Amino acid sequence: MNEQSELKKAYANLIAIKDNLPQRHELEVKFANLVNSEVDRLSRLGLEVEDFKIPANEIKSTFIGGNLVTGETHYSKEKYVEKEILLIKLDAILTYFSIENQNIKIGFNIY
């Protein structure tokens, strides 16, 4: 396994995820799984990036209805993550690349 190649793949995938997120407030869990998969790839390469994973407590069912009289609430069977949480984590890990890995020629440099 070529470490530089794996880093580039992870970076490219993270950019692609960010650039192609649907225009919705709540996103299917598959988007969180894609981000977490790339974070796992980077972790296997020895980078300490676990902080950038989408936490399990941010992946939730969404409210789909209820009854005000009885107080009954109904939630979806499917799990979702808020788009803002995903974007925060994506921005953070992409910034990490530019700050921590100055010798890797990807992303941008902060002066």
PDB file of N, CA and C in Angstrom:
ATOM      1  N   MET A   1       0.853  -1.196   0.000  1.00  0.00           N
ATOM      2  CA  MET A   1       0.000   0.000   0.000  1.00  0.00           C
ATOM      3  C   MET A   1       0.883   1.238   0.000  1.00  0.00           C
ATOM      4  N   ASN A   2       0.669   2.127  -0.921  1.00  0.00           N
ATOM      5  CA  ASN A   2       1.403   3.376  -1.022  1.00  0.00           C
ATOM      6  C   ASN A   2       0.691   4.426  -0.161  1.00  0.00           C
ATOM      7  N   GLU A   3       1.356   4.876   0.897  1.00  0.00           N
ATOM      8  CA  GLU A   3       0.734   5.804   1.855  1.00  0.00           C
ATOM      9  C   GLU A   3       0.305   7.113   1.199  1.00  0.00           C
ATOM     10  N   GLN A   4       1.147   7.656   0.335  1.00  0.00           N
ATOM     11  CA  GLN A   4       0.795   8.906  -0.348  1.00  0.00           C
ATOM     12  C   GLN A   4      -0.451   8.730  -1.212  1.00  0.00           C
ATOM     13  N   SER A   5      -0.525   7.615  -1.884  1.00  0.00           N
ATOM     14  CA  SER A   5      -1.689   7.343  -2.728  1.00  0.00           C
ATOM     15  C   SER A   5      -2.955   7.222  -1.884  1.00  0.00           C
ATOM     16  N   GLU A   6      -2.876   6.530  -0.760  1.00  0.00           N
ATOM     17  CA  GLU A   6      -4.037   6.381   0.124  1.00  0.00           C
ATOM     18  C   GLU A   6      -4.461   7.728   0.704  1.00  0.00           C
ATOM     19  N   LEU A   7      -3.499   8.572   1.057  1.00  0.00           N
ATOM     20  CA  LEU A   7      -3.829   9.916   1.554  1.00  0.00           C
ATOM     21  C   LEU A   7      -4.544  10.729   0.487  1.00  0.00           C
ATOM     22  N   LYS A   8      -4.051  10.657  -0.724  1.00  0.00           N
ATOM     23  CA  LYS A   8      -4.669  11.400  -1.828  1.00  0.00           C
ATOM     24  C   LYS A   8      -6.084  10.907  -2.102  1.00  0.00           C
ATOM     25  N   LYS A   9      -6.267   9.587  -2.052  1.00  0.00           N
ATOM     26  CA  LYS A   9      -7.601   9.022  -2.275  1.00  0.00           C
ATOM     27  C   LYS A   9      -8.573   9.503  -1.199  1.00  0.00           C
ATOM     28  N   ALA A  10      -8.143   9.448   0.039  1.00  0.00           N
ATOM     29  CA  ALA A  10      -9.007   9.884   1.140  1.00  0.00           C
ATOM     30  C   ALA A  10      -9.365  11.354   0.979  1.00  0.00           C
ATOM     31  N   TYR A  11      -8.372  12.180   0.671  1.00  0.00           N
ATOM     32  CA  TYR A  11      -8.605  13.613   0.486  1.00  0.00           C
ATOM     33  C   TYR A  11      -9.588  13.847  -0.660  1.00  0.00           C
ATOM     34  N   ALA A  12      -9.363  13.175  -1.782  1.00  0.00           N
ATOM     35  CA  ALA A  12     -10.244  13.335  -2.949  1.00  0.00           C
ATOM     36  C   ALA A  12     -11.669  12.901  -2.608  1.00  0.00           C
ATOM     37  N   ASN A  13     -11.811  11.794  -1.899  1.00  0.00           N
ATOM     38  CA  ASN A  13     -13.149  11.323  -1.527  1.00  0.00           C
ATOM     39  C   ASN A  13     -13.838  12.293  -0.579  1.00  0.00           C
ATOM     40  N   LEU A  14     -13.107  12.849   0.374  1.00  0.00           N
ATOM     41  CA  LEU A  14     -13.706  13.809   1.309  1.00  0.00           C
ATOM     42  C   LEU A  14     -14.171  15.075   0.577  1.00  0.00           C
ATOM     43  N   ILE A  15     -13.357  15.555  -0.349  1.00  0.00           N
ATOM     44  CA  ILE A  15     -13.754  16.719  -1.165  1.00  0.00           C
ATOM     45  C   ILE A  15     -15.001  16.386  -1.978  1.00  0.00           C
ATOM     46  N   ALA A  16     -15.021  15.205  -2.596  1.00  0.00           N
ATOM     47  CA  ALA A  16     -16.161  14.803  -3.426  1.00  0.00           C
ATOM     48  C   ALA A  16     -17.437  14.701  -2.593  1.00  0.00           C
ATOM     49  N   ILE A  17     -17.320  14.152  -1.396  1.00  0.00           N
ATOM     50  CA  ILE A  17     -18.501  14.062  -0.517  1.00  0.00           C
ATOM     51  C   ILE A  17     -19.015  15.462  -0.223  1.00  0.00           C
ATOM     52  N   LYS A  18     -18.110  16.348   0.184  1.00  0.00           N
ATOM     53  CA  LYS A  18     -18.519  17.719   0.536  1.00  0.00           C
ATOM     54  C   LYS A  18     -19.166  18.429  -0.654  1.00  0.00           C
ATOM     55  N   ASP A  19     -18.576  18.280  -1.818  1.00  0.00           N
ATOM     56  CA  ASP A  19     -19.065  18.995  -3.004  1.00  0.00           C
ATOM     57  C   ASP A  19     -20.367  18.433  -3.567  1.00  0.00           C
ATOM     58  N   ASN A  20     -20.747  17.245  -3.142  1.00  0.00           N
ATOM     59  CA  ASN A  20     -21.917  16.600  -3.729  1.00  0.00           C
ATOM     60  C   ASN A  20     -23.018  16.269  -2.728  1.00  0.00           C
ATOM     61  N   LEU A  21     -23.016  16.946  -1.599  1.00  0.00           N
ATOM     62  CA  LEU A  21     -24.080  16.718  -0.611  1.00  0.00           C
ATOM     63  C   LEU A  21     -25.410  17.266  -1.138  1.00  0.00           C
ATOM     64  N   PRO A  22     -26.482  16.552  -0.906  1.00  0.00           N
ATOM     65  CA  PRO A  22     -27.800  17.046  -1.325  1.00  0.00           C
ATOM     66  C   PRO A  22     -28.173  18.330  -0.590  1.00  0.00           C
ATOM     67  N   GLN A  23     -29.055  19.079  -1.175  1.00  0.00           N
ATOM     68  CA  GLN A  23     -29.520  20.341  -0.598  1.00  0.00           C
ATOM     69  C   GLN A  23     -30.671  20.092   0.369  1.00  0.00           C
ATOM     70  N   ARG A  24     -30.388  19.347   1.433  1.00  0.00           N
ATOM     71  CA  ARG A  24     -31.387  19.067   2.461  1.00  0.00           C
ATOM     72  C   ARG A  24     -30.761  19.300   3.824  1.00  0.00           C
ATOM     73  N   HIS A  25     -31.604  19.548   4.812  1.00  0.00           N
ATOM     74  CA  HIS A  25     -31.126  19.744   6.189  1.00  0.00           C
ATOM     75  C   HIS A  25     -30.698  18.429   6.826  1.00  0.00           C
ATOM     76  N   GLU A  26     -31.461  17.380   6.593  1.00  0.00           N
ATOM     77  CA  GLU A  26     -31.156  16.059   7.148  1.00  0.00           C
ATOM     78  C   GLU A  26     -30.718  15.142   6.018  1.00  0.00           C
ATOM     79  N   LEU A  27     -29.586  14.476   6.225  1.00  0.00           N
ATOM     80  CA  LEU A  27     -29.032  13.592   5.204  1.00  0.00           C
ATOM     81  C   LEU A  27     -29.053  12.147   5.684  1.00  0.00           C
ATOM     82  N   GLU A  28     -29.224  11.245   4.757  1.00  0.00           N
ATOM     83  CA  GLU A  28     -29.237   9.827   5.086  1.00  0.00           C
ATOM     84  C   GLU A  28     -27.917   9.436   5.742  1.00  0.00           C
ATOM     85  N   VAL A  29     -27.982   8.398   6.558  1.00  0.00           N
ATOM     86  CA  VAL A  29     -26.820   7.922   7.310  1.00  0.00           C
ATOM     87  C   VAL A  29     -25.670   7.514   6.383  1.00  0.00           C
ATOM     88  N   LYS A  30     -25.972   7.191   5.135  1.00  0.00           N
ATOM     89  CA  LYS A  30     -24.917   6.772   4.209  1.00  0.00           C
ATOM     90  C   LYS A  30     -23.842   7.849   4.051  1.00  0.00           C
ATOM     91  N   PHE A  31     -24.218   9.128   4.180  1.00  0.00           N
ATOM     92  CA  PHE A  31     -23.227  10.196   4.059  1.00  0.00           C
ATOM     93  C   PHE A  31     -22.290  10.216   5.261  1.00  0.00           C
ATOM     94  N   ALA A  32     -22.823  10.001   6.442  1.00  0.00           N
ATOM     95  CA  ALA A  32     -21.982   9.894   7.638  1.00  0.00           C
ATOM     96  C   ALA A  32     -21.068   8.679   7.517  1.00  0.00           C
ATOM     97  N   ASN A  33     -21.597   7.589   6.998  1.00  0.00           N
ATOM     98  CA  ASN A  33     -20.793   6.377   6.826  1.00  0.00           C
ATOM     99  C   ASN A  33     -19.647   6.597   5.836  1.00  0.00           C
ATOM    100  N   LEU A  34     -19.906   7.355   4.768  1.00  0.00           N
ATOM    101  CA  LEU A  34     -18.846   7.654   3.800  1.00  0.00           C
ATOM    102  C   LEU A  34     -17.719   8.456   4.455  1.00  0.00           C
ATOM    103  N   VAL A  35     -18.082   9.473   5.226  1.00  0.00           N
ATOM    104  CA  VAL A  35     -17.071  10.281   5.922  1.00  0.00           C
ATOM    105  C   VAL A  35     -16.303   9.410   6.908  1.00  0.00           C
ATOM    106  N   ASN A  36     -17.026   8.653   7.715  1.00  0.00           N
ATOM    107  CA  ASN A  36     -16.372   7.816   8.723  1.00  0.00           C
ATOM    108  C   ASN A  36     -15.463   6.767   8.088  1.00  0.00           C
ATOM    109  N   SER A  37     -15.828   6.277   6.932  1.00  0.00           N
ATOM    110  CA  SER A  37     -15.002   5.310   6.221  1.00  0.00           C
ATOM    111  C   SER A  37     -13.658   5.925   5.816  1.00  0.00           C
ATOM    112  N   GLU A  38     -13.700   7.154   5.350  1.00  0.00           N
ATOM    113  CA  GLU A  38     -12.451   7.829   4.967  1.00  0.00           C
ATOM    114  C   GLU A  38     -11.606   8.172   6.204  1.00  0.00           C
ATOM    115  N   VAL A  39     -12.249   8.529   7.291  1.00  0.00           N
ATOM    116  CA  VAL A  39     -11.519   8.775   8.540  1.00  0.00           C
ATOM    117  C   VAL A  39     -10.854   7.484   9.001  1.00  0.00           C
ATOM    118  N   ASP A  40     -11.554   6.374   8.886  1.00  0.00           N
ATOM    119  CA  ASP A  40     -10.974   5.080   9.244  1.00  0.00           C
ATOM    120  C   ASP A  40      -9.766   4.759   8.369  1.00  0.00           C
ATOM    121  N   ARG A  41      -9.860   5.053   7.079  1.00  0.00           N
ATOM    122  CA  ARG A  41      -8.727   4.835   6.163  1.00  0.00           C
ATOM    123  C   ARG A  41      -7.513   5.616   6.648  1.00  0.00           C
ATOM    124  N   LEU A  42      -7.723   6.867   7.010  1.00  0.00           N
ATOM    125  CA  LEU A  42      -6.626   7.707   7.488  1.00  0.00           C
ATOM    126  C   LEU A  42      -6.071   7.204   8.822  1.00  0.00           C
ATOM    127  N   SER A  43      -6.944   6.716   9.672  1.00  0.00           N
ATOM    128  CA  SER A  43      -6.509   6.157  10.958  1.00  0.00           C
ATOM    129  C   SER A  43      -5.609   4.943  10.741  1.00  0.00           C
ATOM    130  N   ARG A  44      -5.965   4.106   9.783  1.00  0.00           N
ATOM    131  CA  ARG A  44      -5.148   2.919   9.487  1.00  0.00           C
ATOM    132  C   ARG A  44      -3.758   3.316   8.995  1.00  0.00           C
ATOM    133  N   LEU A  45      -3.637   4.520   8.443  1.00  0.00           N
ATOM    134  CA  LEU A  45      -2.339   5.007   7.982  1.00  0.00           C
ATOM    135  C   LEU A  45      -1.520   5.611   9.129  1.00  0.00           C
ATOM    136  N   GLY A  46      -2.117   5.642  10.311  1.00  0.00           N
ATOM    137  CA  GLY A  46      -1.389   6.136  11.470  1.00  0.00           C
ATOM    138  C   GLY A  46      -1.708   7.575  11.853  1.00  0.00           C
ATOM    139  N   LEU A  47      -2.617   8.216  11.145  1.00  0.00           N
ATOM    140  CA  LEU A  47      -2.992   9.583  11.498  1.00  0.00           C
ATOM    141  C   LEU A  47      -3.978   9.568  12.669  1.00  0.00           C
ATOM    142  N   GLU A  48      -3.831  10.507  13.557  1.00  0.00           N
ATOM    143  CA  GLU A  48      -4.742  10.618  14.705  1.00  0.00           C
ATOM    144  C   GLU A  48      -5.904  11.529  14.316  1.00  0.00           C
ATOM    145  N   VAL A  49      -6.902  10.946  13.673  1.00  0.00           N
ATOM    146  CA  VAL A  49      -8.000  11.726  13.111  1.00  0.00           C
ATOM    147  C   VAL A  49      -9.370  11.286  13.617  1.00  0.00           C
ATOM    148  N   GLU A  50      -9.402  10.470  14.641  1.00  0.00           N
ATOM    149  CA  GLU A  50     -10.671   9.957  15.157  1.00  0.00           C
ATOM    150  C   GLU A  50     -11.637  11.082  15.555  1.00  0.00           C
ATOM    151  N   ASP A  51     -11.104  12.229  15.948  1.00  0.00           N
ATOM    152  CA  ASP A  51     -11.952  13.369  16.328  1.00  0.00           C
ATOM    153  C   ASP A  51     -12.842  13.846  15.181  1.00  0.00           C
ATOM    154  N   PHE A  52     -12.494  13.491  13.962  1.00  0.00           N
ATOM    155  CA  PHE A  52     -13.226  13.967  12.797  1.00  0.00           C
ATOM    156  C   PHE A  52     -14.357  13.033  12.363  1.00  0.00           C
ATOM    157  N   LYS A  53     -14.539  11.935  13.062  1.00  0.00           N
ATOM    158  CA  LYS A  53     -15.641  11.020  12.742  1.00  0.00           C
ATOM    159  C   LYS A  53     -16.974  11.647  13.147  1.00  0.00           C
ATOM    160  N   ILE A  54     -18.007  11.280  12.429  1.00  0.00           N
ATOM    161  CA  ILE A  54     -19.358  11.687  12.798  1.00  0.00           C
ATOM    162  C   ILE A  54     -19.757  10.811  13.988  1.00  0.00           C
ATOM    163  N   PRO A  55     -19.998  11.430  15.160  1.00  0.00           N
ATOM    164  CA  PRO A  55     -20.328  10.627  16.346  1.00  0.00           C
ATOM    165  C   PRO A  55     -21.669   9.905  16.191  1.00  0.00           C
ATOM    166  N   ALA A  56     -21.741   8.734  16.782  1.00  0.00           N
ATOM    167  CA  ALA A  56     -22.970   7.931  16.717  1.00  0.00           C
ATOM    168  C   ALA A  56     -24.169   8.685  17.276  1.00  0.00           C
ATOM    169  N   ASN A  57     -23.951   9.535  18.289  1.00  0.00           N
ATOM    170  CA  ASN A  57     -25.082  10.263  18.883  1.00  0.00           C
ATOM    171  C   ASN A  57     -25.615  11.366  17.967  1.00  0.00           C
ATOM    172  N   GLU A  58     -24.940  11.635  16.856  1.00  0.00           N
ATOM    173  CA  GLU A  58     -25.431  12.617  15.876  1.00  0.00           C
ATOM    174  C   GLU A  58     -26.231  11.944  14.758  1.00  0.00           C
ATOM    175  N   ILE A  59     -26.287  10.634  14.787  1.00  0.00           N
ATOM    176  CA  ILE A  59     -27.037   9.875  13.786  1.00  0.00           C
ATOM    177  C   ILE A  59     -28.330   9.419  14.453  1.00  0.00           C
ATOM    178  N   LYS A  60     -29.442   9.986  13.988  1.00  0.00           N
ATOM    179  CA  LYS A  60     -30.712   9.810  14.695  1.00  0.00           C
ATOM    180  C   LYS A  60     -31.867   9.567  13.728  1.00  0.00           C
ATOM    181  N   SER A  61     -32.928   9.033  14.280  1.00  0.00           N
ATOM    182  CA  SER A  61     -34.191   8.977  13.544  1.00  0.00           C
ATOM    183  C   SER A  61     -34.772  10.387  13.532  1.00  0.00           C
ATOM    184  N   THR A  62     -35.595  10.673  12.559  1.00  0.00           N
ATOM    185  CA  THR A  62     -36.192  11.995  12.461  1.00  0.00           C
ATOM    186  C   THR A  62     -37.674  11.931  12.848  1.00  0.00           C
ATOM    187  N   PHE A  63     -38.159  12.987  13.420  1.00  0.00           N
ATOM    188  CA  PHE A  63     -39.560  13.096  13.816  1.00  0.00           C
ATOM    189  C   PHE A  63     -40.425  13.103  12.566  1.00  0.00           C
ATOM    190  N   ILE A  64     -41.425  12.221  12.525  1.00  0.00           N
ATOM    191  CA  ILE A  64     -42.308  12.177  11.349  1.00  0.00           C
ATOM    192  C   ILE A  64     -43.769  12.444  11.686  1.00  0.00           C
ATOM    193  N   GLY A  65     -44.086  12.563  12.960  1.00  0.00           N
ATOM    194  CA  GLY A  65     -45.472  12.865  13.312  1.00  0.00           C
ATOM    195  C   GLY A  65     -45.766  12.513  14.755  1.00  0.00           C
ATOM    196  N   GLY A  66     -46.984  12.849  15.138  1.00  0.00           N
ATOM    197  CA  GLY A  66     -47.380  12.543  16.504  1.00  0.00           C
ATOM    198  C   GLY A  66     -48.794  13.005  16.790  1.00  0.00           C
ATOM    199  N   ASN A  67     -49.187  12.877  18.052  1.00  0.00           N
ATOM    200  CA  ASN A  67     -50.517  13.243  18.497  1.00  0.00           C
ATOM    201  C   ASN A  67     -50.362  14.154  19.709  1.00  0.00           C
ATOM    202  N   LEU A  68     -50.762  15.415  19.569  1.00  0.00           N
ATOM    203  CA  LEU A  68     -50.635  16.376  20.664  1.00  0.00           C
ATOM    204  C   LEU A  68     -51.495  16.000  21.865  1.00  0.00           C
ATOM    205  N   VAL A  69     -52.619  15.388  21.618  1.00  0.00           N
ATOM    206  CA  VAL A  69     -53.529  15.030  22.706  1.00  0.00           C
ATOM    207  C   VAL A  69     -52.930  13.931  23.580  1.00  0.00           C
ATOM    208  N   THR A  70     -52.412  12.891  22.949  1.00  0.00           N
ATOM    209  CA  THR A  70     -51.873  11.758  23.717  1.00  0.00           C
ATOM    210  C   THR A  70     -50.380  11.903  24.020  1.00  0.00           C
ATOM    211  N   GLY A  71     -49.729  12.822  23.347  1.00  0.00           N
ATOM    212  CA  GLY A  71     -48.292  12.982  23.534  1.00  0.00           C
ATOM    213  C   GLY A  71     -47.465  11.948  22.781  1.00  0.00           C
ATOM    214  N   GLU A  72     -48.126  11.160  21.966  1.00  0.00           N
ATOM    215  CA  GLU A  72     -47.454  10.124  21.194  1.00  0.00           C
ATOM    216  C   GLU A  72     -46.615  10.761  20.084  1.00  0.00           C
ATOM    217  N   THR A  73     -45.406  10.262  19.893  1.00  0.00           N
ATOM    218  CA  THR A  73     -44.544  10.755  18.811  1.00  0.00           C
ATOM    219  C   THR A  73     -44.091   9.579  17.955  1.00  0.00           C
ATOM    220  N   HIS A  74     -43.865   9.864  16.697  1.00  0.00           N
ATOM    221  CA  HIS A  74     -43.430   8.842  15.747  1.00  0.00           C
ATOM    222  C   HIS A  74     -42.137   9.310  15.084  1.00  0.00           C
ATOM    223  N   TYR A  75     -41.200   8.372  14.990  1.00  0.00           N
ATOM    224  CA  TYR A  75     -39.909   8.656  14.372  1.00  0.00           C
ATOM    225  C   TYR A  75     -39.665   7.686  13.228  1.00  0.00           C
ATOM    226  N   SER A  76     -38.865   8.118  12.282  1.00  0.00           N
ATOM    227  CA  SER A  76     -38.548   7.288  11.125  1.00  0.00           C
ATOM    228  C   SER A  76     -37.720   6.074  11.545  1.00  0.00           C
ATOM    229  N   LYS A  77     -37.821   5.023  10.761  1.00  0.00           N
ATOM    230  CA  LYS A  77     -36.960   3.857  10.972  1.00  0.00           C
ATOM    231  C   LYS A  77     -35.563   4.152  10.458  1.00  0.00           C
ATOM    232  N   GLU A  78     -35.472   4.967   9.425  1.00  0.00           N
ATOM    233  CA  GLU A  78     -34.195   5.335   8.839  1.00  0.00           C
ATOM    234  C   GLU A  78     -33.474   6.330   9.743  1.00  0.00           C
ATOM    235  N   LYS A  79     -32.170   6.309   9.694  1.00  0.00           N
ATOM    236  CA  LYS A  79     -31.347   7.230  10.483  1.00  0.00           C
ATOM    237  C   LYS A  79     -30.846   8.357   9.586  1.00  0.00           C
ATOM    238  N   TYR A  80     -30.675   9.523  10.198  1.00  0.00           N
ATOM    239  CA  TYR A  80     -30.227  10.712   9.485  1.00  0.00           C
ATOM    240  C   TYR A  80     -29.177  11.451  10.306  1.00  0.00           C
ATOM    241  N   VAL A  81     -28.441  12.323   9.618  1.00  0.00           N
ATOM    242  CA  VAL A  81     -27.489  13.207  10.273  1.00  0.00           C
ATOM    243  C   VAL A  81     -27.754  14.612   9.742  1.00  0.00           C
ATOM    244  N   GLU A  82     -27.623  15.609  10.607  1.00  0.00           N
ATOM    245  CA  GLU A  82     -27.812  16.985  10.159  1.00  0.00           C
ATOM    246  C   GLU A  82     -26.671  17.375   9.223  1.00  0.00           C
ATOM    247  N   LYS A  83     -27.007  18.034   8.140  1.00  0.00           N
ATOM    248  CA  LYS A  83     -26.018  18.443   7.150  1.00  0.00           C
ATOM    249  C   LYS A  83     -24.938  19.320   7.785  1.00  0.00           C
ATOM    250  N   GLU A  84     -25.330  20.184   8.718  1.00  0.00           N
ATOM    251  CA  GLU A  84     -24.364  21.080   9.360  1.00  0.00           C
ATOM    252  C   GLU A  84     -23.289  20.300  10.108  1.00  0.00           C
ATOM    253  N   ILE A  85     -23.673  19.220  10.769  1.00  0.00           N
ATOM    254  CA  ILE A  85     -22.700  18.389  11.493  1.00  0.00           C
ATOM    255  C   ILE A  85     -21.714  17.782  10.504  1.00  0.00           C
ATOM    256  N   LEU A  86     -22.233  17.258   9.412  1.00  0.00           N
ATOM    257  CA  LEU A  86     -21.379  16.667   8.386  1.00  0.00           C
ATOM    258  C   LEU A  86     -20.406  17.699   7.829  1.00  0.00           C
ATOM    259  N   LEU A  87     -20.909  18.899   7.539  1.00  0.00           N
ATOM    260  CA  LEU A  87     -20.051  19.941   6.981  1.00  0.00           C
ATOM    261  C   LEU A  87     -18.990  20.410   7.978  1.00  0.00           C
ATOM    262  N   ILE A  88     -19.337  20.480   9.247  1.00  0.00           N
ATOM    263  CA  ILE A  88     -18.362  20.864  10.272  1.00  0.00           C
ATOM    264  C   ILE A  88     -17.212  19.861  10.289  1.00  0.00           C
ATOM    265  N   LYS A  89     -17.551  18.572  10.312  1.00  0.00           N
ATOM    266  CA  LYS A  89     -16.519  17.533  10.354  1.00  0.00           C
ATOM    267  C   LYS A  89     -15.695  17.508   9.068  1.00  0.00           C
ATOM    268  N   LEU A  90     -16.351  17.673   7.925  1.00  0.00           N
ATOM    269  CA  LEU A  90     -15.621  17.702   6.653  1.00  0.00           C
ATOM    270  C   LEU A  90     -14.671  18.897   6.591  1.00  0.00           C
ATOM    271  N   ASP A  91     -15.149  20.074   6.955  1.00  0.00           N
ATOM    272  CA  ASP A  91     -14.281  21.256   6.956  1.00  0.00           C
ATOM    273  C   ASP A  91     -13.103  21.068   7.904  1.00  0.00           C
ATOM    274  N   ALA A  92     -13.360  20.470   9.056  1.00  0.00           N
ATOM    275  CA  ALA A  92     -12.302  20.271  10.043  1.00  0.00           C
ATOM    276  C   ALA A  92     -11.222  19.331   9.520  1.00  0.00           C
ATOM    277  N   ILE A  93     -11.612  18.207   8.953  1.00  0.00           N
ATOM    278  CA  ILE A  93     -10.589  17.259   8.499  1.00  0.00           C
ATOM    279  C   ILE A  93      -9.857  17.775   7.262  1.00  0.00           C
ATOM    280  N   LEU A  94     -10.537  18.496   6.398  1.00  0.00           N
ATOM    281  CA  LEU A  94      -9.866  19.068   5.233  1.00  0.00           C
ATOM    282  C   LEU A  94      -8.879  20.162   5.663  1.00  0.00           C
ATOM    283  N   THR A  95      -9.220  20.918   6.675  1.00  0.00           N
ATOM    284  CA  THR A  95      -8.298  21.908   7.220  1.00  0.00           C
ATOM    285  C   THR A  95      -7.106  21.215   7.878  1.00  0.00           C
ATOM    286  N   TYR A  96      -7.362  20.117   8.569  1.00  0.00           N
ATOM    287  CA  TYR A  96      -6.295  19.334   9.186  1.00  0.00           C
ATOM    288  C   TYR A  96      -5.245  18.937   8.152  1.00  0.00           C
ATOM    289  N   PHE A  97      -5.695  18.522   6.974  1.00  0.00           N
ATOM    290  CA  PHE A  97      -4.761  18.165   5.907  1.00  0.00           C
ATOM    291  C   PHE A  97      -3.842  19.333   5.588  1.00  0.00           C
ATOM    292  N   SER A  98      -4.381  20.520   5.498  1.00  0.00           N
ATOM    293  CA  SER A  98      -3.567  21.668   5.088  1.00  0.00           C
ATOM    294  C   SER A  98      -2.649  22.156   6.204  1.00  0.00           C
ATOM    295  N   ILE A  99      -3.029  21.945   7.461  1.00  0.00           N
ATOM    296  CA  ILE A  99      -2.213  22.417   8.583  1.00  0.00           C
ATOM    297  C   ILE A  99      -1.171  21.388   8.991  1.00  0.00           C
ATOM    298  N   GLU A 100      -1.581  20.145   9.177  1.00  0.00           N
ATOM    299  CA  GLU A 100      -0.702  19.111   9.724  1.00  0.00           C
ATOM    300  C   GLU A 100       0.213  18.470   8.692  1.00  0.00           C
ATOM    301  N   ASN A 101      -0.155  18.510   7.463  1.00  0.00           N
ATOM    302  CA  ASN A 101       0.596  17.779   6.444  1.00  0.00           C
ATOM    303  C   ASN A 101       1.138  18.733   5.379  1.00  0.00           C
ATOM    304  N   GLN A 102       1.903  19.706   5.811  1.00  0.00           N
ATOM    305  CA  GLN A 102       2.445  20.697   4.894  1.00  0.00           C
ATOM    306  C   GLN A 102       3.282  20.055   3.783  1.00  0.00           C
ATOM    307  N   ASN A 103       3.914  18.909   4.072  1.00  0.00           N
ATOM    308  CA  ASN A 103       4.758  18.270   3.070  1.00  0.00           C
ATOM    309  C   ASN A 103       3.958  17.514   2.011  1.00  0.00           C
ATOM    310  N   ILE A 104       2.668  17.331   2.221  1.00  0.00           N
ATOM    311  CA  ILE A 104       1.822  16.664   1.228  1.00  0.00           C
ATOM    312  C   ILE A 104       1.208  17.757   0.350  1.00  0.00           C
ATOM    313  N   LYS A 105       1.403  17.648  -0.925  1.00  0.00           N
ATOM    314  CA  LYS A 105       0.970  18.685  -1.849  1.00  0.00           C
ATOM    315  C   LYS A 105      -0.480  18.494  -2.281  1.00  0.00           C
ATOM    316  N   ILE A 106      -1.389  18.595  -1.311  1.00  0.00           N
ATOM    317  CA  ILE A 106      -2.814  18.561  -1.600  1.00  0.00           C
ATOM    318  C   ILE A 106      -3.472  19.664  -0.815  1.00  0.00           C
ATOM    319  N   GLY A 107      -4.636  20.086  -1.208  1.00  0.00           N
ATOM    320  CA  GLY A 107      -5.335  21.137  -0.468  1.00  0.00           C
ATOM    321  C   GLY A 107      -4.694  22.483  -0.737  1.00  0.00           C
ATOM    322  N   PHE A 108      -4.643  23.293   0.309  1.00  0.00           N
ATOM    323  CA  PHE A 108      -4.089  24.629   0.210  1.00  0.00           C
ATOM    324  C   PHE A 108      -3.216  24.893   1.418  1.00  0.00           C
ATOM    325  N   ASN A 109      -2.391  25.910   1.348  1.00  0.00           N
ATOM    326  CA  ASN A 109      -1.506  26.263   2.451  1.00  0.00           C
ATOM    327  C   ASN A 109      -2.006  27.507   3.162  1.00  0.00           C
ATOM    328  N   ILE A 110      -1.882  27.510   4.485  1.00  0.00           N
ATOM    329  CA  ILE A 110      -2.229  28.675   5.285  1.00  0.00           C
ATOM    330  C   ILE A 110      -0.941  29.419   5.599  1.00  0.00           C
ATOM    331  N   TYR A 111      -0.933  30.710   5.338  1.00  0.00           N
ATOM    332  CA  TYR A 111       0.265  31.511   5.601  1.00  0.00           C
ATOM    333  C   TYR A 111       0.108  32.310   6.847  1.00  0.00           C
TER     334      TYR A 111
END
